[in-house]
Protein backbone atom coordinates (compact mmCIF):
# COMPACT_ATOMS: atom_id res chain seq x y z
CA MET A 1 38.74 29.28 -65.47
CA VAL A 2 40.12 27.00 -68.15
CA LEU A 3 38.17 25.94 -71.24
CA ILE A 4 39.37 22.99 -73.34
CA GLU A 5 37.78 22.57 -76.76
CA GLY A 6 38.19 19.63 -79.11
CA THR A 7 36.72 16.54 -80.65
CA ARG A 8 36.29 13.20 -78.88
CA GLY A 9 39.47 11.25 -78.29
CA THR A 10 41.90 14.16 -78.46
CA GLY A 11 43.05 14.09 -74.84
CA LYS A 12 40.95 16.78 -73.17
CA ARG A 13 40.76 14.89 -69.87
CA ALA A 14 44.51 14.18 -69.94
CA LEU A 15 45.18 17.88 -70.53
CA ALA A 16 42.89 18.81 -67.63
CA ARG A 17 44.75 16.36 -65.35
CA ALA A 18 48.10 17.78 -66.49
CA ILE A 19 46.94 21.34 -65.75
CA HIS A 20 45.85 20.24 -62.27
CA ALA A 21 49.03 18.22 -61.63
CA SER A 22 51.29 21.14 -62.56
CA SER A 23 49.48 23.67 -60.37
CA VAL A 24 49.64 24.54 -56.69
CA ARG A 25 46.44 22.48 -56.36
CA ARG A 26 48.16 19.20 -57.33
CA ARG A 27 47.76 17.74 -53.81
CA LYS A 28 44.08 18.69 -53.68
CA MET A 29 41.15 16.80 -55.16
CA PHE A 30 40.70 16.47 -58.92
CA ARG A 31 37.03 15.65 -59.57
CA VAL A 32 35.70 14.74 -63.02
CA PHE A 33 32.02 15.14 -63.84
CA ASN A 34 30.59 14.35 -67.26
CA CYS A 35 27.65 16.69 -67.80
CA ARG A 36 25.88 14.11 -69.99
CA SER A 37 25.65 11.67 -67.09
CA CYS A 38 23.00 13.33 -64.97
CA SER A 39 19.35 14.21 -65.26
CA PRO A 40 18.71 17.96 -65.48
CA LEU A 41 16.38 17.57 -62.48
CA GLU A 42 19.24 16.39 -60.25
CA MET A 43 21.92 18.83 -61.39
CA ARG A 44 21.13 21.75 -59.09
CA ARG A 45 21.41 19.53 -56.01
CA LEU A 46 24.48 17.75 -57.40
CA PHE A 47 26.39 20.99 -57.96
CA LEU A 48 25.22 23.09 -54.99
CA GLY A 49 24.45 20.46 -52.38
CA GLU A 50 21.45 20.54 -50.08
CA LEU A 51 20.56 21.08 -46.45
CA HIS A 52 17.38 19.45 -45.07
CA GLY A 53 15.78 19.63 -41.69
CA GLY A 54 15.62 22.14 -38.93
CA ARG A 55 12.59 22.78 -36.77
CA SER A 56 10.37 20.33 -38.62
CA ASP A 57 12.90 17.52 -37.95
CA GLY A 58 13.44 18.18 -34.27
CA GLY A 59 16.48 20.35 -34.98
CA ARG A 60 18.31 17.67 -36.96
CA TYR A 61 19.87 18.54 -40.29
CA ILE A 62 20.79 16.27 -43.15
CA ARG A 63 23.47 17.65 -45.40
CA TYR A 64 24.29 16.56 -48.93
CA LEU A 65 27.63 17.85 -50.24
CA GLY A 66 27.58 19.17 -53.79
CA LEU A 67 30.45 19.19 -56.26
CA PHE A 68 31.54 22.74 -55.41
CA GLU A 69 31.90 21.92 -51.71
CA GLU A 70 33.39 18.50 -52.38
CA VAL A 71 36.38 19.81 -54.34
CA THR A 72 37.09 22.53 -51.73
CA GLU A 73 40.32 24.04 -53.03
CA GLY A 74 40.94 21.42 -55.72
CA THR A 75 39.86 21.22 -59.34
CA LEU A 76 36.41 20.47 -60.72
CA TYR A 77 36.61 19.27 -64.32
CA LEU A 78 33.28 19.48 -66.17
CA GLU A 79 33.33 17.38 -69.34
CA GLU A 80 30.95 18.21 -72.19
CA VAL A 81 29.68 21.28 -70.39
CA GLU A 82 27.47 22.11 -73.37
CA TYR A 83 25.13 19.38 -72.06
CA LEU A 84 24.39 21.39 -68.93
CA PRO A 85 21.07 23.21 -69.17
CA LEU A 86 21.55 26.97 -69.63
CA ASP A 87 20.32 27.77 -66.11
CA MET A 88 22.98 25.44 -64.66
CA GLN A 89 25.65 26.99 -66.87
CA ARG A 90 24.66 30.37 -65.43
CA ILE A 91 24.94 28.99 -61.89
CA VAL A 92 28.43 27.65 -62.65
CA SER A 93 29.35 31.05 -64.09
CA ASP A 94 28.03 32.84 -60.99
CA VAL A 95 30.00 30.54 -58.67
CA ILE A 96 33.21 31.09 -60.64
CA ARG A 97 32.66 34.85 -60.72
CA SER A 98 31.59 35.32 -57.07
CA GLN A 99 33.69 32.46 -55.61
CA ALA A 100 30.72 31.51 -53.46
CA PHE A 101 27.59 29.36 -53.64
CA ARG A 102 24.58 28.64 -51.48
CA PRO A 103 23.42 25.04 -50.99
CA ILE A 104 19.72 24.38 -51.53
CA GLY A 105 17.83 24.95 -48.28
CA SER A 106 20.65 26.94 -46.69
CA GLU A 107 20.54 30.60 -45.74
CA VAL A 108 24.34 30.86 -45.77
CA SER A 109 26.65 31.11 -48.76
CA LEU A 110 29.83 29.06 -48.70
CA PRO A 111 33.16 30.03 -50.25
CA PHE A 112 34.41 28.29 -53.37
CA ARG A 113 38.20 28.41 -53.69
CA GLY A 114 38.58 25.72 -56.31
CA ARG A 115 39.44 25.85 -59.98
CA VAL A 116 36.95 24.94 -62.67
CA ILE A 117 38.10 23.39 -65.94
CA LEU A 118 35.46 23.01 -68.63
CA SER A 119 35.60 21.02 -71.82
CA THR A 120 33.37 21.01 -74.86
CA CYS A 121 33.11 18.35 -77.52
CA SER A 122 32.53 19.80 -80.93
CA ASP A 123 32.53 17.10 -83.56
CA GLU A 124 30.30 15.38 -86.07
CA GLU A 125 29.13 12.87 -83.44
CA SER A 126 27.73 15.57 -81.17
CA ASP A 127 23.97 15.79 -81.24
CA GLY A 128 24.07 19.57 -81.57
CA ARG A 129 23.06 19.96 -77.95
CA GLY A 130 24.10 23.57 -77.73
CA ALA A 131 26.80 25.97 -76.88
CA LEU A 132 27.94 27.73 -73.77
CA CYS A 133 25.68 30.39 -72.33
CA PRO A 134 27.08 33.92 -72.83
CA GLU A 135 27.78 34.35 -69.10
CA LEU A 136 30.03 31.29 -69.09
CA ALA A 137 31.60 31.83 -72.50
CA GLU A 138 32.56 35.42 -71.70
CA LEU A 139 34.11 35.01 -68.24
CA GLU A 140 37.15 37.21 -67.82
CA GLU A 141 40.58 35.63 -67.48
CA THR A 142 39.55 32.42 -69.21
CA GLN A 143 42.37 30.35 -70.67
CA VAL A 144 41.28 28.47 -73.79
CA PHE A 145 43.02 25.37 -75.14
CA HIS A 146 42.16 23.59 -78.40
CA THR A 147 43.01 19.91 -78.73
CA ASP A 148 43.52 18.48 -82.18
CA GLY A 149 44.97 15.14 -83.01
CA PRO A 150 44.30 11.56 -83.89
CA ARG A 151 41.11 10.02 -82.61
CA ASN A 152 41.38 6.88 -80.51
């Protein structure tokens, strides 16, 4: 996992793209998700995906792909991850650690072979939303980058 820390306007997204572009994953998907942009009620489904149906629907299933399945072997870049509720941060940590996830409504876990890049925004304009949960902050083999520089 990669963690990029810095204030707004210091190029965190550009650094994440550069990390992706210089890796063996460069031909795979690079997906950006700003954690401020989604209701906490929708996040679990958005990240894990969902499987509906079965016997009650005449054997038909409806499948919604989540972010982890969507990026497959690419890179998922989570901006302002401190805005994720703590339970979702723990889920992200578990997926990174186990390299697997289970969509809502599914009995089967799916592999996750992608890379996760996280960024936090720590500046005076932040609303003090919170920090990373210990499980996410203390993942082994995390590379941390700090961006400093002029604000746009």
